[in-house]
Amino acid sequence: MQATLYHQRIMTLEELLSDVLCPLLDHSEANVELVGVEDKVVTLRVSGKAAFGPEATLLQEKLIVPAVQKVVDGAEVKFEQKWARPNAPR
């Protein structure tokens, strides 16, 4: 029973990220991906403007955290920043 609930929570979080948050964040040159879930701790990897810059706090606290907490009631959301390397030749 616990495993089923855990897998349902993971699937719902993945749907939230792929269907709602990623398309919204894409317009802000940002991205978010699920790293893992343990009990009620959800770890997400953010990149682009969701990780760095003045928009990061706003995107994390006002968009990402409330959306995740709707799926996992009372979740603690932790963030990891993903560094990106420029693709342009030097």
Protein backbone atom coordinates (compact mmCIF):
# COMPACT_ATOMS: atom_id res chain seq x y z
CA MET A 1 0.00 0.00 0.00
CA GLN A 2 2.78 2.46 0.93
CA ALA A 3 4.68 1.70 -2.27
CA THR A 4 1.56 2.36 -4.35
CA LEU A 5 0.98 5.73 -2.66
CA TYR A 6 4.65 6.62 -3.16
CA HIS A 7 4.52 5.75 -6.88
CA GLN A 8 1.26 7.69 -7.32
CA ARG A 9 2.86 10.72 -5.68
CA ILE A 10 5.90 10.45 -7.97
CA MET A 11 3.72 10.10 -11.08
CA THR A 12 1.58 13.10 -10.06
CA LEU A 13 4.70 15.21 -9.41
CA GLU A 14 6.18 14.22 -12.76
CA GLU A 15 2.91 15.16 -14.50
CA LEU A 16 2.87 18.51 -12.68
CA LEU A 17 6.41 19.22 -13.79
CA SER A 18 6.05 18.12 -17.41
CA ASP A 19 2.52 19.39 -18.09
CA VAL A 20 2.40 22.60 -16.05
CA LEU A 21 5.63 23.91 -14.55
CA CYS A 22 8.12 23.18 -17.34
CA PRO A 23 6.03 24.87 -20.06
CA LEU A 24 5.51 27.91 -17.81
CA LEU A 25 9.15 28.10 -16.82
CA ASP A 26 10.32 27.62 -20.40
CA HIS A 27 8.97 31.08 -21.20
CA SER A 28 11.23 32.45 -18.45
CA GLU A 29 14.32 30.56 -19.67
CA ALA A 30 14.13 28.31 -16.61
CA ASN A 31 13.74 24.59 -15.97
CA VAL A 32 12.87 22.26 -13.10
CA GLU A 33 13.23 18.50 -12.76
CA LEU A 34 12.42 15.99 -10.05
CA VAL A 35 15.45 14.59 -8.22
CA GLY A 36 13.65 12.55 -5.58
CA VAL A 37 11.01 12.23 -2.89
CA GLU A 38 11.62 10.96 0.61
CA ASP A 39 8.71 11.06 3.05
CA LYS A 40 7.43 14.62 2.54
CA VAL A 41 10.71 16.07 1.29
CA VAL A 42 10.66 16.79 -2.44
CA THR A 43 14.03 17.60 -4.03
CA LEU A 44 14.02 19.46 -7.32
CA ARG A 45 16.85 20.52 -9.61
CA VAL A 46 16.40 24.01 -11.04
CA SER A 47 18.37 25.69 -13.80
CA GLY A 48 18.38 28.93 -15.72
CA LYS A 49 16.44 31.81 -14.23
CA ALA A 50 14.76 29.48 -11.71
CA ALA A 51 18.18 28.85 -10.17
CA PHE A 52 20.03 32.14 -10.58
CA GLY A 53 19.21 35.79 -10.89
CA PRO A 54 16.54 38.03 -9.43
CA GLU A 55 13.68 35.85 -10.70
CA ALA A 56 14.89 32.72 -8.90
CA THR A 57 13.36 33.47 -5.50
CA LEU A 58 10.07 34.57 -7.02
CA LEU A 59 9.79 31.50 -9.27
CA GLN A 60 10.73 29.11 -6.47
CA GLU A 61 8.65 30.57 -3.63
CA LYS A 62 5.58 31.80 -5.52
CA LEU A 63 5.23 29.25 -8.32
CA ILE A 64 7.12 26.00 -7.77
CA VAL A 65 6.70 25.44 -4.01
CA PRO A 66 2.92 26.11 -3.89
CA ALA A 67 2.33 23.86 -6.92
CA VAL A 68 4.32 21.00 -5.36
CA GLN A 69 2.55 21.44 -2.02
CA LYS A 70 -0.81 21.03 -3.77
CA VAL A 71 0.34 17.58 -4.89
CA VAL A 72 2.18 16.57 -1.69
CA ASP A 73 0.34 18.19 1.21
CA GLY A 74 2.78 19.77 3.65
CA ALA A 75 5.82 18.97 1.51
CA GLU A 76 9.18 20.51 2.25
CA VAL A 77 10.70 21.49 -1.08
CA LYS A 78 14.47 21.51 -1.45
CA PHE A 79 16.28 22.90 -4.46
CA GLU A 80 19.54 21.99 -6.16
CA GLN A 81 20.97 24.41 -8.70
CA LYS A 82 22.17 23.07 -12.02
CA TRP A 83 25.02 24.94 -13.61
CA ALA A 84 24.88 25.24 -17.38
CA ARG A 85 27.85 25.49 -19.70
CA PRO A 86 27.64 27.81 -22.66
CA ASN A 87 27.40 26.02 -25.99
CA ALA A 88 28.85 28.82 -28.09
CA PRO A 89 32.36 28.34 -29.48
CA ARG A 90 35.00 30.60 -28.04
